[in-house]
């Protein structure tokens, strides 16, 4: 998902970012939509460390940015020459293609011509969004990402895992989960090096893992069991709604999971290595260094 990757449908942990102010706009050149998200915040931190000017925007930043309010787009884009584009809540959802296409065209018209899009693997909706993005005639790069490691440690499934369980739609296939830090490093390279213009990179981790295996590896790393359970789609939707997700978001997420977890993405790709010249990080290394959350009462 681009989501999958996923959870662009969920709020990530807050990060300290250099958020632009109106006074800063003239020197800010790289726009980051979803500036406090899992990948956007990491891209921002890397650009900051490199001394690259950027503007990380959200619905609550100044200027504000909202995918569903075109009136906010120009203020966010003004003064920027390139952008890291992540769509909320998910790039594969119906209507996302029209919004992303319109945004990309507006960006090019305002002089923001270098665009790097975070997309998903094996999703028809994401492909439609990519096509609309490419049609804007920007200098584009597309990053097709697998599900994120961080979905298990930063919101999304993290709260449930802290109670000792992990629930998913029925699926026995493996997924090549990827580290958001690897993805962010690839995104920064794509933003700064014109050699990546016109390229599509499939970003995966180095190993295929089932969700059941994920639960077991998390339990081993945290020193307490994580029980894995699978539900039919409709039951999974109900579980998400009962956990507080809006009905439409729960339905969209569940059906995207059901779509992509059919084996179509159960293969590894070299995108991380091709861009960074090194292997992608393994989930065991990631979870072994992650801070285990305090157990929650169910």
C-alpha atoms as a PDB file:
ATOM      1  CA  UNK A   1       0.000   0.000   0.000  1.00  0.00           C
ATOM      2  CA  UNK A   2       1.175   3.663   0.041  1.00  0.00           C
ATOM      3  CA  UNK A   3      -0.215   3.659   2.406  1.00  0.00           C
ATOM      4  CA  UNK A   4       1.258   0.197   2.864  1.00  0.00           C
ATOM      5  CA  UNK A   5       3.830   1.143   3.654  1.00  0.00           C
ATOM      6  CA  UNK A   6       0.864   1.731   5.111  1.00  0.00           C
ATOM      7  CA  UNK A   7      -0.081   3.682   7.434  1.00  0.00           C
ATOM      8  CA  UNK A   8      -0.398   6.840   5.971  1.00  0.00           C
ATOM      9  CA  UNK A   9      -3.943   6.375   7.230  1.00  0.00           C
ATOM     10  CA  UNK A  10      -2.750   6.753  10.778  1.00  0.00           C
ATOM     11  CA  UNK A  11      -1.110   9.529  12.755  1.00  0.00           C
ATOM     12  CA  UNK A  12       2.580   8.945  13.362  1.00  0.00           C
ATOM     13  CA  UNK A  13       4.609   9.826  16.400  1.00  0.00           C
ATOM     14  CA  UNK A  14       5.404  13.529  16.569  1.00  0.00           C
ATOM     15  CA  UNK A  15       8.880  14.539  15.461  1.00  0.00           C
ATOM     16  CA  UNK A  16      10.766  17.783  15.946  1.00  0.00           C
ATOM     17  CA  UNK A  17      10.922  19.312  12.487  1.00  0.00           C
ATOM     18  CA  UNK A  18      12.031  22.532  10.938  1.00  0.00           C
ATOM     19  CA  UNK A  19       8.594  23.763   9.877  1.00  0.00           C
ATOM     20  CA  UNK A  20       8.640  26.809   7.670  1.00  0.00           C
ATOM     21  CA  UNK A  21       7.096  30.121   8.574  1.00  0.00           C
ATOM     22  CA  UNK A  22       5.954  32.765   6.139  1.00  0.00           C
ATOM     23  CA  UNK A  23       9.195  34.650   6.751  1.00  0.00           C
ATOM     24  CA  UNK A  24      11.202  31.581   5.778  1.00  0.00           C
ATOM     25  CA  UNK A  25       9.431  30.878   2.500  1.00  0.00           C
ATOM     26  CA  UNK A  26      11.870  32.692   0.227  1.00  0.00           C
ATOM     27  CA  UNK A  27      14.738  30.421   1.255  1.00  0.00           C
ATOM     28  CA  UNK A  28      12.743  27.182   1.509  1.00  0.00           C
ATOM     29  CA  UNK A  29      13.099  25.171  -1.681  1.00  0.00           C
ATOM     30  CA  UNK A  30      12.050  21.555  -1.011  1.00  0.00           C
ATOM     31  CA  UNK A  31       8.429  20.968  -0.054  1.00  0.00           C
ATOM     32  CA  UNK A  32       7.519  17.961   2.089  1.00  0.00           C
ATOM     33  CA  UNK A  33       3.820  17.103   2.233  1.00  0.00           C
ATOM     34  CA  UNK A  34       2.887  15.100   5.301  1.00  0.00           C
ATOM     35  CA  UNK A  35       5.798  16.699   7.125  1.00  0.00           C
ATOM     36  CA  UNK A  36       5.138  14.905  10.424  1.00  0.00           C
ATOM     37  CA  UNK A  37       4.435  11.490   8.867  1.00  0.00           C
ATOM     38  CA  UNK A  38       6.629   8.422   9.113  1.00  0.00           C
ATOM     39  CA  UNK A  39       8.567   9.135   5.938  1.00  0.00           C
ATOM     40  CA  UNK A  40       8.084  12.907   5.675  1.00  0.00           C
ATOM     41  CA  UNK A  41       9.572  13.555   9.104  1.00  0.00           C
ATOM     42  CA  UNK A  42      12.572  11.385   8.293  1.00  0.00           C
ATOM     43  CA  UNK A  43      13.116  13.144   4.963  1.00  0.00           C
ATOM     44  CA  UNK A  44      12.977  16.476   6.795  1.00  0.00           C
ATOM     45  CA  UNK A  45      15.569  15.400   9.355  1.00  0.00           C
ATOM     46  CA  UNK A  46      17.947  14.244   6.633  1.00  0.00           C
ATOM     47  CA  UNK A  47      17.581  17.459   4.653  1.00  0.00           C
ATOM     48  CA  UNK A  48      18.188  19.451   7.828  1.00  0.00           C
ATOM     49  CA  UNK A  49      21.376  17.487   8.539  1.00  0.00           C
ATOM     50  CA  UNK A  50      22.534  18.165   4.973  1.00  0.00           C
ATOM     51  CA  UNK A  51      21.829  21.888   5.277  1.00  0.00           C
ATOM     52  CA  UNK A  52      19.205  21.722   2.528  1.00  0.00           C
ATOM     53  CA  UNK A  53      16.365  24.262   2.804  1.00  0.00           C
ATOM     54  CA  UNK A  54      12.913  22.686   3.062  1.00  0.00           C
ATOM     55  CA  UNK A  55       9.331  23.343   4.077  1.00  0.00           C
ATOM     56  CA  UNK A  56       7.499  20.521   5.881  1.00  0.00           C
ATOM     57  CA  UNK A  57       3.764  21.154   5.711  1.00  0.00           C
ATOM     58  CA  UNK A  58       0.665  19.664   7.329  1.00  0.00           C
ATOM     59  CA  UNK A  59      -2.902  20.786   7.911  1.00  0.00           C
ATOM     60  CA  UNK A  60      -1.643  22.559  11.026  1.00  0.00           C
ATOM     61  CA  UNK A  61       1.558  24.169   9.724  1.00  0.00           C
ATOM     62  CA  UNK A  62       1.994  27.739   8.528  1.00  0.00           C
ATOM     63  CA  UNK A  63       1.313  27.763   5.661  1.00  0.00           C
ATOM     64  CA  UNK A  64      -1.190  24.956   6.073  1.00  0.00           C
ATOM     65  CA  UNK A  65      -1.586  22.176   3.509  1.00  0.00           C
ATOM     66  CA  UNK A  66      -4.624  19.963   3.004  1.00  0.00           C
ATOM     67  CA  UNK A  67      -4.978  17.526   0.122  1.00  0.00           C
ATOM     68  CA  UNK A  68      -8.738  18.095   0.116  1.00  0.00           C
ATOM     69  CA  UNK A  69      -8.518  21.893   0.066  1.00  0.00           C
ATOM     70  CA  UNK A  70      -6.957  23.150  -3.182  1.00  0.00           C
ATOM     71  CA  UNK A  71      -6.930  26.635  -1.725  1.00  0.00           C
ATOM     72  CA  UNK A  72      -4.013  25.597   0.503  1.00  0.00           C
ATOM     73  CA  UNK A  73      -1.828  24.267  -2.291  1.00  0.00           C
ATOM     74  CA  UNK A  74      -0.439  27.486  -3.714  1.00  0.00           C
ATOM     75  CA  UNK A  75       0.691  28.810  -0.343  1.00  0.00           C
ATOM     76  CA  UNK A  76       2.572  25.578   0.340  1.00  0.00           C
ATOM     77  CA  UNK A  77       4.143  25.426  -3.123  1.00  0.00           C
ATOM     78  CA  UNK A  78       5.194  29.063  -3.449  1.00  0.00           C
ATOM     79  CA  UNK A  79       8.962  29.387  -3.341  1.00  0.00           C
ATOM     80  CA  UNK A  80       9.586  25.639  -3.641  1.00  0.00           C
ATOM     81  CA  UNK A  81      11.387  24.117  -6.600  1.00  0.00           C
ATOM     82  CA  UNK A  82      11.025  20.446  -5.647  1.00  0.00           C
ATOM     83  CA  UNK A  83       8.735  18.332  -3.488  1.00  0.00           C
ATOM     84  CA  UNK A  84       8.467  15.006  -1.698  1.00  0.00           C
ATOM     85  CA  UNK A  85       4.830  14.039  -2.209  1.00  0.00           C
ATOM     86  CA  UNK A  86       2.957  11.689   0.141  1.00  0.00           C
ATOM     87  CA  UNK A  87      -0.818  11.487  -0.183  1.00  0.00           C
ATOM     88  CA  UNK A  88      -3.174  11.139   2.779  1.00  0.00           C
ATOM     89  CA  UNK A  89      -4.964   9.025   3.723  1.00  0.00           C
ATOM     90  CA  UNK A  90      -3.849   6.537   1.057  1.00  0.00           C
ATOM     91  CA  UNK A  91      -2.780   6.763  -2.571  1.00  0.00           C
ATOM     92  CA  UNK A  92      -4.753   3.673  -3.606  1.00  0.00           C
ATOM     93  CA  UNK A  93      -8.149   4.988  -2.521  1.00  0.00           C
ATOM     94  CA  UNK A  94     -10.758   6.096  -5.094  1.00  0.00           C
ATOM     95  CA  UNK A  95     -10.296   9.698  -6.175  1.00  0.00           C
ATOM     96  CA  UNK A  96      -6.669   9.972  -5.093  1.00  0.00           C
ATOM     97  CA  UNK A  97      -5.497   9.922  -8.712  1.00  0.00           C
ATOM     98  CA  UNK A  98      -7.492  13.031  -9.638  1.00  0.00           C
ATOM     99  CA  UNK A  99      -6.226  14.933  -6.595  1.00  0.00           C
ATOM    100  CA  UNK A 100      -2.584  13.971  -7.126  1.00  0.00           C
ATOM    101  CA  UNK A 101      -2.777  14.795 -10.831  1.00  0.00           C
ATOM    102  CA  UNK A 102      -4.256  18.215 -10.118  1.00  0.00           C
ATOM    103  CA  UNK A 103      -1.653  18.923  -7.446  1.00  0.00           C
ATOM    104  CA  UNK A 104       1.237  17.916  -9.697  1.00  0.00           C
ATOM    105  CA  UNK A 105      -0.018  20.188 -12.475  1.00  0.00           C
ATOM    106  CA  UNK A 106      -0.401  23.068 -10.024  1.00  0.00           C
ATOM    107  CA  UNK A 107       3.113  22.452  -8.730  1.00  0.00           C
ATOM    108  CA  UNK A 108       4.632  22.578 -12.214  1.00  0.00           C
ATOM    109  CA  UNK A 109       2.689  25.743 -13.041  1.00  0.00           C
ATOM    110  CA  UNK A 110       4.116  27.395  -9.917  1.00  0.00           C
ATOM    111  CA  UNK A 111       7.689  26.396 -10.727  1.00  0.00           C
ATOM    112  CA  UNK A 112       7.938  23.350  -8.445  1.00  0.00           C
ATOM    113  CA  UNK A 113       9.006  20.977 -11.177  1.00  0.00           C
ATOM    114  CA  UNK A 114      11.049  18.286  -9.384  1.00  0.00           C
ATOM    115  CA  UNK A 115       8.576  15.876  -7.776  1.00  0.00           C
ATOM    116  CA  UNK A 116       9.219  12.620  -5.905  1.00  0.00           C
ATOM    117  CA  UNK A 117       6.062  10.573  -5.216  1.00  0.00           C
ATOM    118  CA  UNK A 118       5.648   7.904  -2.549  1.00  0.00           C
ATOM    119  CA  UNK A 119       3.480   5.155  -4.005  1.00  0.00           C
ATOM    120  CA  UNK A 120       2.538   1.542  -3.287  1.00  0.00           C
ATOM    121  CA  UNK A 121       3.310  -1.817  -4.827  1.00  0.00           C
ATOM    122  CA  UNK A 122       0.804  -3.876  -6.780  1.00  0.00           C
ATOM    123  CA  UNK A 123      -2.207  -1.594  -6.331  1.00  0.00           C
ATOM    124  CA  UNK A 124      -4.454  -0.583  -9.207  1.00  0.00           C
ATOM    125  CA  UNK A 125      -5.426   2.666  -7.486  1.00  0.00           C
ATOM    126  CA  UNK A 126      -1.794   3.577  -6.936  1.00  0.00           C
ATOM    127  CA  UNK A 127      -1.019   2.933 -10.614  1.00  0.00           C
ATOM    128  CA  UNK A 128      -3.807   5.319 -11.615  1.00  0.00           C
ATOM    129  CA  UNK A 129      -2.372   7.964  -9.300  1.00  0.00           C
ATOM    130  CA  UNK A 130       1.106   7.458 -10.747  1.00  0.00           C
ATOM    131  CA  UNK A 131      -0.206   7.921 -14.282  1.00  0.00           C
ATOM    132  CA  UNK A 132      -1.931  11.157 -13.313  1.00  0.00           C
ATOM    133  CA  UNK A 133       1.268  12.302 -11.601  1.00  0.00           C
ATOM    134  CA  UNK A 134       3.414  11.577 -14.663  1.00  0.00           C
ATOM    135  CA  UNK A 135       0.989  13.400 -16.977  1.00  0.00           C
ATOM    136  CA  UNK A 136       1.795  16.688 -15.218  1.00  0.00           C
ATOM    137  CA  UNK A 137       5.136  16.767 -17.107  1.00  0.00           C
ATOM    138  CA  UNK A 138       7.248  17.321 -14.004  1.00  0.00           C
ATOM    139  CA  UNK A 139      10.764  15.970 -13.521  1.00  0.00           C
ATOM    140  CA  UNK A 140       9.406  13.014 -11.606  1.00  0.00           C
ATOM    141  CA  UNK A 141      10.584  10.011  -9.607  1.00  0.00           C
ATOM    142  CA  UNK A 142       8.268   7.370  -8.130  1.00  0.00           C
ATOM    143  CA  UNK A 143       9.049   5.296  -5.038  1.00  0.00           C
ATOM    144  CA  UNK A 144       6.886   2.178  -4.766  1.00  0.00           C
ATOM    145  CA  UNK A 145       7.162   1.022  -1.190  1.00  0.00           C
ATOM    146  CA  UNK A 146       6.358  -2.179   0.644  1.00  0.00           C
ATOM    147  CA  UNK A 147       4.720  -2.056   4.081  1.00  0.00           C
ATOM    148  CA  UNK A 148       6.759  -0.164   6.683  1.00  0.00           C
ATOM    149  CA  UNK A 149       8.570  -1.730   9.646  1.00  0.00           C
ATOM    150  CA  UNK A 150       7.452   1.303  11.622  1.00  0.00           C
ATOM    151  CA  UNK A 151       3.772   0.400  11.276  1.00  0.00           C
ATOM    152  CA  UNK A 152       4.472  -2.049  14.097  1.00  0.00           C
ATOM    153  CA  UNK A 153       6.210   0.476  16.369  1.00  0.00           C
ATOM    154  CA  UNK A 154       4.676   3.882  15.580  1.00  0.00           C
ATOM    155  CA  UNK A 155       0.874   3.917  15.771  1.00  0.00           C
ATOM    156  CA  UNK A 156      -1.093   1.685  13.388  1.00  0.00           C
ATOM    157  CA  UNK A 157      -0.549  -1.823  14.819  1.00  0.00           C
ATOM    158  CA  UNK A 158       1.710  -0.579  17.643  1.00  0.00           C
ATOM    159  CA  UNK A 159      -1.045   0.055  20.174  1.00  0.00           C
ATOM    160  CA  UNK A 160      -2.512  -3.401  19.681  1.00  0.00           C
ATOM    161  CA  UNK A 161       0.921  -5.024  19.842  1.00  0.00           C
ATOM    162  CA  UNK A 162       1.482  -3.319  23.197  1.00  0.00           C
ATOM    163  CA  UNK A 163      -1.539  -5.282  24.492  1.00  0.00           C
ATOM    164  CA  UNK A 164       0.030  -8.541  23.262  1.00  0.00           C
ATOM    165  CA  UNK A 165      -1.768  -9.201  19.980  1.00  0.00           C
ATOM    166  CA  UNK A 166      -1.678  -8.450  16.245  1.00  0.00           C
ATOM    167  CA  UNK A 167      -4.777  -8.712  14.048  1.00  0.00           C
ATOM    168  CA  UNK A 168      -4.832  -8.775  10.260  1.00  0.00           C
ATOM    169  CA  UNK A 169      -7.096  -9.779   7.387  1.00  0.00           C
ATOM    170  CA  UNK A 170      -6.866 -13.419   6.383  1.00  0.00           C
ATOM    171  CA  UNK A 171      -3.598 -13.911   4.530  1.00  0.00           C
ATOM    172  CA  UNK A 172      -0.825 -16.478   4.478  1.00  0.00           C
ATOM    173  CA  UNK A 173       1.428 -14.671   2.002  1.00  0.00           C
ATOM    174  CA  UNK A 174       4.725 -13.004   2.780  1.00  0.00           C
ATOM    175  CA  UNK A 175       5.529  -9.295   2.458  1.00  0.00           C
ATOM    176  CA  UNK A 176       8.990  -7.728   1.976  1.00  0.00           C
ATOM    177  CA  UNK A 177       8.567  -5.125   4.751  1.00  0.00           C
ATOM    178  CA  UNK A 178      10.872  -2.103   4.454  1.00  0.00           C
ATOM    179  CA  UNK A 179      12.451   0.374   6.873  1.00  0.00           C
ATOM    180  CA  UNK A 180      11.171   3.972   6.682  1.00  0.00           C
ATOM    181  CA  UNK A 181      14.726   5.153   7.285  1.00  0.00           C
ATOM    182  CA  UNK A 182      15.887   3.362   4.139  1.00  0.00           C
ATOM    183  CA  UNK A 183      12.971   4.849   2.225  1.00  0.00           C
ATOM    184  CA  UNK A 184      13.715   8.372   3.481  1.00  0.00           C
ATOM    185  CA  UNK A 185      17.353   8.045   2.479  1.00  0.00           C
ATOM    186  CA  UNK A 186      16.265   6.975  -1.009  1.00  0.00           C
ATOM    187  CA  UNK A 187      13.807   9.892  -1.201  1.00  0.00           C
ATOM    188  CA  UNK A 188      16.493  12.433  -0.299  1.00  0.00           C
ATOM    189  CA  UNK A 189      18.856  10.969  -2.879  1.00  0.00           C
ATOM    190  CA  UNK A 190      16.096  11.197  -5.486  1.00  0.00           C
ATOM    191  CA  UNK A 191      15.343  14.825  -4.570  1.00  0.00           C
ATOM    192  CA  UNK A 192      18.964  15.932  -4.773  1.00  0.00           C
ATOM    193  CA  UNK A 193      20.371  13.905  -7.675  1.00  0.00           C
ATOM    194  CA  UNK A 194      18.912  14.492 -11.183  1.00  0.00           C
ATOM    195  CA  UNK A 195      20.124  11.032 -12.204  1.00  0.00           C
ATOM    196  CA  UNK A 196      16.911   9.684 -10.647  1.00  0.00           C
ATOM    197  CA  UNK A 197      14.552  11.726 -12.825  1.00  0.00           C
ATOM    198  CA  UNK A 198      12.129   9.523 -14.758  1.00  0.00           C
ATOM    199  CA  UNK A 199      12.865   6.448 -12.638  1.00  0.00           C
ATOM    200  CA  UNK A 200      10.508   4.148 -10.735  1.00  0.00           C
ATOM    201  CA  UNK A 201      12.074   2.364  -7.755  1.00  0.00           C
ATOM    202  CA  UNK A 202      10.493  -0.622  -6.042  1.00  0.00           C
ATOM    203  CA  UNK A 203      11.564  -0.461  -2.396  1.00  0.00           C
ATOM    204  CA  UNK A 204      11.531  -3.617  -0.267  1.00  0.00           C
ATOM    205  CA  UNK A 205      13.405  -5.065   2.642  1.00  0.00           C
ATOM    206  CA  UNK A 206      15.842  -7.961   2.169  1.00  0.00           C
ATOM    207  CA  UNK A 207      13.476 -10.736   3.295  1.00  0.00           C
ATOM    208  CA  UNK A 208       9.923 -12.002   2.809  1.00  0.00           C
ATOM    209  CA  UNK A 209       8.041 -12.260   6.113  1.00  0.00           C
ATOM    210  CA  UNK A 210       4.464 -13.259   6.961  1.00  0.00           C
ATOM    211  CA  UNK A 211       2.457 -11.255   9.488  1.00  0.00           C
ATOM    212  CA  UNK A 212       2.501 -14.322  11.728  1.00  0.00           C
ATOM    213  CA  UNK A 213       6.307 -14.316  11.584  1.00  0.00           C
ATOM    214  CA  UNK A 214       6.298 -10.580  12.345  1.00  0.00           C
ATOM    215  CA  UNK A 215       4.298 -11.213  15.517  1.00  0.00           C
ATOM    216  CA  UNK A 216       6.714 -13.961  16.569  1.00  0.00           C
ATOM    217  CA  UNK A 217       9.822 -11.841  15.905  1.00  0.00           C
ATOM    218  CA  UNK A 218       8.369  -8.896  17.812  1.00  0.00           C
ATOM    219  CA  UNK A 219       7.543 -11.183  20.718  1.00  0.00           C
ATOM    220  CA  UNK A 220      11.093 -12.556  20.728  1.00  0.00           C
ATOM    221  CA  UNK A 221      12.600  -9.067  20.628  1.00  0.00           C
ATOM    222  CA  UNK A 222      10.316  -7.661  23.338  1.00  0.00           C
ATOM    223  CA  UNK A 223      10.525 -10.723  25.575  1.00  0.00           C
ATOM    224  CA  UNK A 224       6.781 -11.339  25.718  1.00  0.00           C
ATOM    225  CA  UNK A 225       4.410 -13.169  23.363  1.00  0.00           C
ATOM    226  CA  UNK A 226       2.423 -11.380  20.671  1.00  0.00           C
ATOM    227  CA  UNK A 227      -0.616 -13.444  19.657  1.00  0.00           C
ATOM    228  CA  UNK A 228      -1.466 -13.329  15.965  1.00  0.00           C
ATOM    229  CA  UNK A 229      -5.019 -13.610  14.647  1.00  0.00           C
ATOM    230  CA  UNK A 230      -6.615 -13.311  11.208  1.00  0.00           C
ATOM    231  CA  UNK A 231     -10.129 -12.117  10.413  1.00  0.00           C
ATOM    232  CA  UNK A 232     -12.361 -12.104   7.314  1.00  0.00           C
ATOM    233  CA  UNK A 233     -12.530  -8.680   5.686  1.00  0.00           C
ATOM    234  CA  UNK A 234     -15.892  -7.647   7.121  1.00  0.00           C
ATOM    235  CA  UNK A 235     -14.863  -8.694  10.626  1.00  0.00           C
ATOM    236  CA  UNK A 236     -11.577  -6.842  10.231  1.00  0.00           C
ATOM    237  CA  UNK A 237     -13.461  -3.685   9.239  1.00  0.00           C
ATOM    238  CA  UNK A 238     -15.598  -4.022  12.353  1.00  0.00           C
ATOM    239  CA  UNK A 239     -12.481  -4.447  14.486  1.00  0.00           C
ATOM    240  CA  UNK A 240     -10.916  -1.298  13.022  1.00  0.00           C
ATOM    241  CA  UNK A 241     -14.093   0.708  13.586  1.00  0.00           C
ATOM    242  CA  UNK A 242     -14.331  -0.501  17.174  1.00  0.00           C
ATOM    243  CA  UNK A 243     -10.731   0.635  17.634  1.00  0.00           C
ATOM    244  CA  UNK A 244     -11.731   4.149  16.570  1.00  0.00           C
ATOM    245  CA  UNK A 245     -11.080   4.279  12.821  1.00  0.00           C
ATOM    246  CA  UNK A 246     -13.834   5.969  10.768  1.00  0.00           C
ATOM    247  CA  UNK A 247     -16.007   3.533   8.798  1.00  0.00           C
ATOM    248  CA  UNK A 248     -14.894   4.727   5.350  1.00  0.00           C
ATOM    249  CA  UNK A 249     -11.208   4.638   6.256  1.00  0.00           C
ATOM    250  CA  UNK A 250     -11.573   1.200   7.870  1.00  0.00           C
ATOM    251  CA  UNK A 251     -13.360  -0.157   4.807  1.00  0.00           C
ATOM    252  CA  UNK A 252     -10.810   1.278   2.376  1.00  0.00           C
ATOM    253  CA  UNK A 253      -7.870   0.001   4.384  1.00  0.00           C
ATOM    254  CA  UNK A 254      -9.278  -3.492   4.815  1.00  0.00           C
ATOM    255  CA  UNK A 255     -10.058  -3.903   1.114  1.00  0.00           C
ATOM    256  CA  UNK A 256      -6.648  -2.584   0.071  1.00  0.00           C
ATOM    257  CA  UNK A 257      -5.047  -5.152   2.400  1.00  0.00           C
ATOM    258  CA  UNK A 258      -7.263  -7.857   0.955  1.00  0.00           C
ATOM    259  CA  UNK A 259      -6.281  -6.778  -2.562  1.00  0.00           C
ATOM    260  CA  UNK A 260      -2.522  -6.613  -2.198  1.00  0.00           C
ATOM    261  CA  UNK A 261      -2.000  -9.519   0.218  1.00  0.00           C
ATOM    262  CA  UNK A 262      -2.724 -12.113  -2.453  1.00  0.00           C
ATOM    263  CA  UNK A 263       0.891 -12.898  -3.305  1.00  0.00           C
ATOM    264  CA  UNK A 264       1.375 -10.235  -5.991  1.00  0.00           C
ATOM    265  CA  UNK A 265       4.010  -8.455  -3.873  1.00  0.00           C
ATOM    266  CA  UNK A 266       5.695 -11.546  -2.451  1.00  0.00           C
ATOM    267  CA  UNK A 267       9.021 -10.891  -4.121  1.00  0.00           C
ATOM    268  CA  UNK A 268      12.102  -8.821  -3.381  1.00  0.00           C
ATOM    269  CA  UNK A 269      13.344  -5.812  -5.336  1.00  0.00           C
ATOM    270  CA  UNK A 270      16.701  -4.006  -5.518  1.00  0.00           C
ATOM    271  CA  UNK A 271      15.502  -0.406  -5.318  1.00  0.00           C
ATOM    272  CA  UNK A 272      17.216   0.395  -2.018  1.00  0.00           C
ATOM    273  CA  UNK A 273      20.491  -1.115  -3.215  1.00  0.00           C
ATOM    274  CA  UNK A 274      20.259   0.540  -6.635  1.00  0.00           C
ATOM    275  CA  UNK A 275      19.940   4.010  -5.111  1.00  0.00           C
ATOM    276  CA  UNK A 276      22.027   3.701  -1.949  1.00  0.00           C
ATOM    277  CA  UNK A 277      24.582   1.082  -2.978  1.00  0.00           C
ATOM    278  CA  UNK A 278      23.893  -1.063   0.100  1.00  0.00           C
ATOM    279  CA  UNK A 279      21.456  -3.711   1.271  1.00  0.00           C
ATOM    280  CA  UNK A 280      18.152  -2.770   2.852  1.00  0.00           C
ATOM    281  CA  UNK A 281      17.861  -3.180   6.637  1.00  0.00           C
ATOM    282  CA  UNK A 282      16.406  -6.438   7.987  1.00  0.00           C
ATOM    283  CA  UNK A 283      13.380  -6.482  10.285  1.00  0.00           C
ATOM    284  CA  UNK A 284      15.202  -8.442  12.999  1.00  0.00           C
ATOM    285  CA  UNK A 285      17.898  -5.768  13.167  1.00  0.00           C
ATOM    286  CA  UNK A 286      15.233  -3.069  13.297  1.00  0.00           C
ATOM    287  CA  UNK A 287      13.014  -4.616  15.961  1.00  0.00           C
ATOM    288  CA  UNK A 288      16.024  -5.675  18.005  1.00  0.00           C
ATOM    289  CA  UNK A 289      17.028  -2.031  18.349  1.00  0.00           C
ATOM    290  CA  UNK A 290      13.490  -0.674  18.784  1.00  0.00           C
ATOM    291  CA  UNK A 291      12.330   0.362  22.227  1.00  0.00           C
ATOM    292  CA  UNK A 292       9.799  -2.137  23.545  1.00  0.00           C
ATOM    293  CA  UNK A 293       6.625  -0.345  24.686  1.00  0.00           C
ATOM    294  CA  UNK A 294       5.355  -0.825  28.217  1.00  0.00           C
ATOM    295  CA  UNK A 295       2.633  -3.495  28.255  1.00  0.00           C
ATOM    296  CA  UNK A 296      -0.890  -2.055  28.149  1.00  0.00           C
ATOM    297  CA  UNK A 297      -3.916  -3.463  29.862  1.00  0.00           C
ATOM    298  CA  UNK A 298      -6.249  -5.054  27.332  1.00  0.00           C
END
